[in-house]
N, C-alpha and C. Protein backbone atom coordinates (compact mmCIF):
# COMPACT_ATOMS: atom_id res chain seq x y z
N MET A 1 97.75 78.90 111.15
CA MET A 1 98.12 79.36 110.16
C MET A 1 99.56 79.00 109.18
N GLN A 2 99.51 78.90 108.31
CA GLN A 2 100.40 78.37 107.12
C GLN A 2 101.75 78.19 107.62
N GLN A 3 102.67 77.57 107.27
CA GLN A 3 104.12 77.49 107.69
C GLN A 3 105.10 78.01 106.55
N ASP A 4 105.74 78.61 106.65
CA ASP A 4 106.82 79.48 105.76
C ASP A 4 105.98 80.37 104.81
N LYS A 5 104.98 81.19 105.47
CA LYS A 5 104.61 82.36 104.33
C LYS A 5 104.40 83.40 105.33
N HIS A 6 104.73 82.95 106.59
CA HIS A 6 104.82 84.81 107.28
C HIS A 6 106.20 84.85 108.45
N PRO A 7 106.25 86.00 108.43
CA PRO A 7 107.85 86.43 108.73
C PRO A 7 108.29 86.04 110.58
N ASP A 8 109.21 85.73 110.85
CA ASP A 8 109.55 85.56 112.68
C ASP A 8 109.25 86.46 113.12
N TYR A 9 108.45 86.37 114.27
CA TYR A 9 107.73 87.00 115.15
C TYR A 9 108.38 86.93 116.42
N HIS A 10 109.02 87.32 117.01
CA HIS A 10 110.22 87.07 117.94
C HIS A 10 110.10 87.96 118.97
N PRO A 11 110.56 87.59 120.18
CA PRO A 11 110.78 89.04 121.07
C PRO A 11 112.27 89.88 120.77
N VAL A 12 111.94 91.52 120.50
CA VAL A 12 112.88 92.28 120.54
C VAL A 12 113.02 93.79 121.61
N VAL A 13 114.32 93.88 121.51
CA VAL A 13 114.03 95.26 122.59
C VAL A 13 114.18 96.60 121.79
N PHE A 14 113.06 97.37 121.76
CA PHE A 14 113.63 98.85 121.37
C PHE A 14 113.94 99.70 122.24
N ARG A 15 114.88 100.10 121.81
CA ARG A 15 115.82 101.49 122.90
C ARG A 15 116.18 102.57 122.16
N ASP A 16 115.58 103.87 122.83
CA ASP A 16 115.56 104.86 122.61
C ASP A 16 116.64 105.74 123.55
N ARG A 17 117.83 105.55 122.89
CA ARG A 17 119.09 106.02 123.51
C ARG A 17 118.78 107.66 124.09
N ALA A 18 117.91 108.56 123.49
CA ALA A 18 118.04 109.74 123.84
C ALA A 18 117.61 110.08 124.79
N ALA A 19 116.33 109.15 125.41
CA ALA A 19 115.70 108.97 126.33
C ALA A 19 116.41 108.22 127.60
N GLY A 20 117.00 107.37 127.27
CA GLY A 20 117.42 106.26 128.01
C GLY A 20 116.60 105.19 128.51
N TYR A 21 115.73 105.02 127.45
CA TYR A 21 114.14 104.19 127.49
C TYR A 21 114.61 102.99 126.50
N ALA A 22 114.07 102.45 127.31
CA ALA A 22 114.08 100.46 126.27
C ALA A 22 112.87 99.88 126.53
N PHE A 23 112.30 99.05 125.79
CA PHE A 23 111.34 98.20 126.40
C PHE A 23 110.94 96.66 125.31
N LEU A 24 110.53 95.93 126.01
CA LEU A 24 110.81 94.03 125.21
C LEU A 24 109.55 93.92 124.94
N THR A 25 109.37 93.99 123.60
CA THR A 25 107.97 93.36 122.86
C THR A 25 108.15 92.57 122.01
N ARG A 26 107.32 91.93 120.94
CA ARG A 26 107.33 91.10 120.26
C ARG A 26 107.43 91.98 118.65
N SER A 27 108.11 91.68 117.85
CA SER A 27 108.10 92.27 116.36
C SER A 27 108.77 91.09 115.51
N THR A 28 108.78 91.96 114.03
CA THR A 28 109.30 90.67 113.29
C THR A 28 110.22 91.82 112.61
N ALA A 29 111.10 92.88 113.46
CA ALA A 29 112.23 93.50 113.40
C ALA A 29 113.37 92.74 113.71
N THR A 30 114.73 92.78 113.03
CA THR A 30 116.06 92.15 113.49
C THR A 30 117.09 93.20 113.59
N SER A 31 117.85 92.23 114.24
CA SER A 31 119.07 93.06 114.27
C SER A 31 120.28 92.16 114.66
N ASP A 32 121.54 92.32 114.37
CA ASP A 32 122.89 91.74 114.94
C ASP A 32 122.90 92.23 115.68
N ARG A 33 122.80 93.14 116.47
CA ARG A 33 123.37 93.94 118.20
C ARG A 33 121.99 93.10 119.29
N THR A 34 122.93 92.53 120.22
CA THR A 34 122.14 91.98 121.27
C THR A 34 122.09 92.79 122.66
N ILE A 35 121.43 92.65 123.72
CA ILE A 35 121.19 93.49 124.66
C ILE A 35 121.12 92.44 125.45
N GLU A 36 121.46 92.32 127.27
CA GLU A 36 121.13 91.51 127.88
C GLU A 36 120.18 92.07 129.02
N TRP A 37 118.73 91.57 128.88
CA TRP A 37 117.95 92.11 129.43
C TRP A 37 117.58 91.91 130.90
N ASP A 38 116.50 92.23 132.03
CA ASP A 38 116.16 92.26 133.19
C ASP A 38 116.55 90.63 133.57
N ASP A 39 115.90 89.80 132.72
CA ASP A 39 115.27 88.28 133.00
C ASP A 39 116.52 87.54 132.71
N GLY A 40 117.70 87.99 132.30
CA GLY A 40 119.08 87.39 132.64
C GLY A 40 119.22 86.72 130.64
N ARG A 41 118.17 86.56 130.13
CA ARG A 41 118.44 86.66 128.82
C ARG A 41 119.03 87.84 127.61
N SER A 42 119.30 87.34 126.74
CA SER A 42 120.01 88.06 125.40
C SER A 42 118.85 88.51 124.23
N TYR A 43 118.64 89.29 123.96
CA TYR A 43 117.52 90.13 122.98
C TYR A 43 118.14 90.73 122.01
N PRO A 44 117.73 90.70 120.47
CA PRO A 44 118.11 91.79 119.81
C PRO A 44 117.49 92.53 120.40
N VAL A 45 118.37 93.79 120.09
CA VAL A 45 118.22 95.25 119.96
C VAL A 45 117.97 96.31 118.85
N VAL A 46 116.97 96.56 119.14
CA VAL A 46 116.70 97.80 117.90
C VAL A 46 116.69 99.03 118.11
N ASP A 47 117.45 100.38 117.90
CA ASP A 47 117.97 101.47 118.08
C ASP A 47 116.74 102.52 117.58
N VAL A 48 116.00 103.17 118.38
CA VAL A 48 115.22 104.24 117.49
C VAL A 48 115.25 105.40 117.47
N GLU A 49 114.92 106.61 117.17
CA GLU A 49 115.30 107.83 117.27
C GLU A 49 114.49 108.39 117.99
N ILE A 50 113.04 108.44 118.05
CA ILE A 50 111.85 108.68 118.87
C ILE A 50 110.67 107.62 119.67
N SER A 51 110.50 107.58 120.97
CA SER A 51 109.46 106.99 121.41
C SER A 51 108.80 107.49 122.15
N SER A 52 107.91 106.88 122.87
CA SER A 52 106.68 107.80 123.58
C SER A 52 107.74 108.69 125.13
N GLU A 53 108.97 107.74 125.20
CA GLU A 53 109.48 108.59 126.18
C GLU A 53 110.07 110.08 125.80
N SER A 54 110.40 110.07 124.38
CA SER A 54 111.11 111.11 124.14
C SER A 54 110.26 112.25 123.03
N HIS A 55 108.94 111.34 122.23
CA HIS A 55 108.38 112.24 121.80
C HIS A 55 107.38 113.96 122.10
N PRO A 56 107.60 114.54 121.75
CA PRO A 56 107.05 115.99 122.45
C PRO A 56 105.65 116.18 122.76
N PHE A 57 104.75 115.22 121.81
CA PHE A 57 103.29 115.14 122.03
C PHE A 57 103.03 113.85 123.53
N TYR A 58 103.52 112.98 123.79
CA TYR A 58 103.60 112.36 125.09
C TYR A 58 104.18 112.59 126.23
N THR A 59 105.14 113.46 125.86
CA THR A 59 105.91 114.50 127.32
C THR A 59 104.89 115.54 127.65
N GLY A 60 104.29 116.08 126.98
CA GLY A 60 103.99 117.38 127.16
C GLY A 60 104.49 118.70 126.35
N GLN A 61 105.49 118.06 126.08
CA GLN A 61 106.66 119.69 125.53
C GLN A 61 105.72 119.88 123.89
N ALA A 62 104.56 119.39 123.76
CA ALA A 62 104.02 119.82 122.35
C ALA A 62 103.87 121.22 121.71
N ARG A 63 103.79 121.81 120.96
CA ARG A 63 103.60 123.22 120.49
C ARG A 63 102.23 123.37 120.37
N THR A 64 101.77 123.98 120.83
CA THR A 64 100.06 124.58 120.68
C THR A 64 99.96 125.56 119.43
N VAL A 65 99.14 125.00 118.47
CA VAL A 65 98.72 125.53 117.43
C VAL A 65 98.17 126.61 117.48
N ASP A 66 97.76 128.31 116.99
CA ASP A 66 97.72 129.33 117.13
C ASP A 66 96.40 128.97 116.40
N THR A 67 95.19 128.40 116.91
CA THR A 67 93.80 128.57 115.95
C THR A 67 93.41 129.39 115.66
N GLU A 68 93.22 130.51 116.77
CA GLU A 68 92.72 132.09 116.37
C GLU A 68 93.63 132.77 115.26
N GLY A 69 94.38 132.57 114.79
CA GLY A 69 95.19 133.15 113.79
C GLY A 69 94.55 132.32 112.34
N ARG A 70 94.31 131.29 112.90
CA ARG A 70 93.89 130.29 111.43
C ARG A 70 92.57 130.75 111.32
N VAL A 71 91.42 131.24 112.29
CA VAL A 71 90.56 131.57 112.41
C VAL A 71 89.78 132.83 111.46
N ALA A 72 90.92 133.93 112.00
CA ALA A 72 91.10 134.95 111.59
C ALA A 72 91.25 135.00 109.88
N ARG A 73 92.01 134.66 109.89
CA ARG A 73 92.21 134.10 108.03
C ARG A 73 91.56 133.69 107.27
N PHE A 74 90.83 132.71 107.64
CA PHE A 74 89.71 132.41 107.42
C PHE A 74 88.36 133.28 107.16
N GLU A 75 88.63 133.86 108.27
CA GLU A 75 87.46 135.15 108.00
C GLU A 75 87.83 136.11 107.12
N ARG A 76 88.89 136.12 107.39
CA ARG A 76 89.32 137.48 105.74
C ARG A 76 89.23 137.02 104.87
N ARG A 77 89.71 135.76 104.50
CA ARG A 77 89.41 134.88 103.29
C ARG A 77 87.90 135.14 102.56
N TYR A 78 87.21 134.42 103.17
CA TYR A 78 85.59 134.11 102.98
C TYR A 78 84.52 135.20 103.75
N GLY A 79 84.74 136.20 104.37
CA GLY A 79 83.85 137.52 104.61
C GLY A 79 83.20 136.75 105.74
N GLY A 80 83.69 135.63 106.61
CA GLY A 80 82.65 135.47 107.69
C GLY A 80 83.10 136.29 108.92
N GLY A 81 83.64 137.79 109.01
CA GLY A 81 84.62 138.13 109.81
C GLY A 81 83.15 139.03 110.84
N ALA A 82 82.33 139.31 110.41
CA ALA A 82 81.30 139.66 111.20
C ALA A 82 80.27 139.04 111.91
N ARG A 83 81.14 139.73 113.32
CA ARG A 83 79.69 138.78 114.75
C ARG A 83 78.69 139.74 114.74
N PRO A 84 77.36 138.93 114.79
CA PRO A 84 76.85 139.79 115.69
C PRO A 84 76.63 140.13 116.86
N ASP A 85 77.11 141.88 117.12
CA ASP A 85 76.89 141.74 118.69
C ASP A 85 75.37 142.24 119.32
N SER A 86 74.76 142.42 120.54
CA SER A 86 74.01 142.95 121.17
C SER A 86 73.52 144.16 120.89
N GLU A 87 73.97 145.39 120.55
CA GLU A 87 73.89 146.49 120.16
C GLU A 87 73.08 146.91 118.84
N SER A 88 73.57 145.96 117.62
CA SER A 88 73.15 146.17 116.58
C SER A 88 71.87 145.70 116.44
N GLY A 89 71.31 144.26 117.18
CA GLY A 89 70.35 144.20 116.98
C GLY A 89 70.59 142.67 115.74
N GLY A 90 71.74 142.12 116.21
CA GLY A 90 72.11 140.66 115.02
C GLY A 90 72.68 141.93 113.84
N ARG A 91 72.92 142.59 113.70
CA ARG A 91 73.15 143.13 112.17
C ARG A 91 74.65 143.87 112.10
N SER A 92 75.36 143.87 111.08
CA SER A 92 76.53 144.49 110.97
C SER A 92 77.07 145.25 109.86
N GLY A 93 77.59 146.06 109.62
CA GLY A 93 77.67 146.68 108.90
C GLY A 93 77.07 148.21 108.55
N PRO A 94 76.68 149.05 107.20
CA PRO A 94 76.75 150.07 107.10
C PRO A 94 74.99 150.25 107.49
N GLU A 95 74.40 149.15 107.04
CA GLU A 95 72.67 149.47 107.00
C GLU A 95 71.97 148.69 108.04
N GLY A 96 73.20 148.19 108.88
CA GLY A 96 72.58 147.39 110.40
C GLY A 96 72.50 148.22 111.44
N GLY A 97 72.55 149.47 111.38
CA GLY A 97 72.18 150.09 112.53
C GLY A 97 73.09 150.49 113.06
N GLY A 98 73.76 149.91 114.59
CA GLY A 98 74.49 149.76 115.16
C GLY A 98 74.81 151.30 115.78
N ASN A 99 76.14 151.69 116.14
CA ASN A 99 76.33 153.52 116.17
C ASN A 99 76.35 154.42 115.20
N PRO A 100 75.37 155.29 115.13
CA PRO A 100 75.38 156.38 114.09
C PRO A 100 76.65 156.79 114.35
N ALA A 101 77.44 157.34 115.04
CA ALA A 101 78.62 158.39 115.67
C ALA A 101 78.85 158.90 114.68
């Protein structure tokens, strides 16, 4: 590795204040604030808006997308809405047989 071409890579604590969660990792991020970690050393701390502890996807609080609504909208737009049923012999529409009622 060439000297003076790469950023300083050092231990940093990332803290999610909303979840009360912090973790120590290595990063090039810098901060003027420091925090005393469990090992007794002082590390720079970077506050983040969201982490794996507060993100809806990882906490299981994610919204589910209404996929049936999307499929129905697609079928209405592009005409794929007619599905074959067992009574009409796989055909649909007026020429397909079905129930003559």
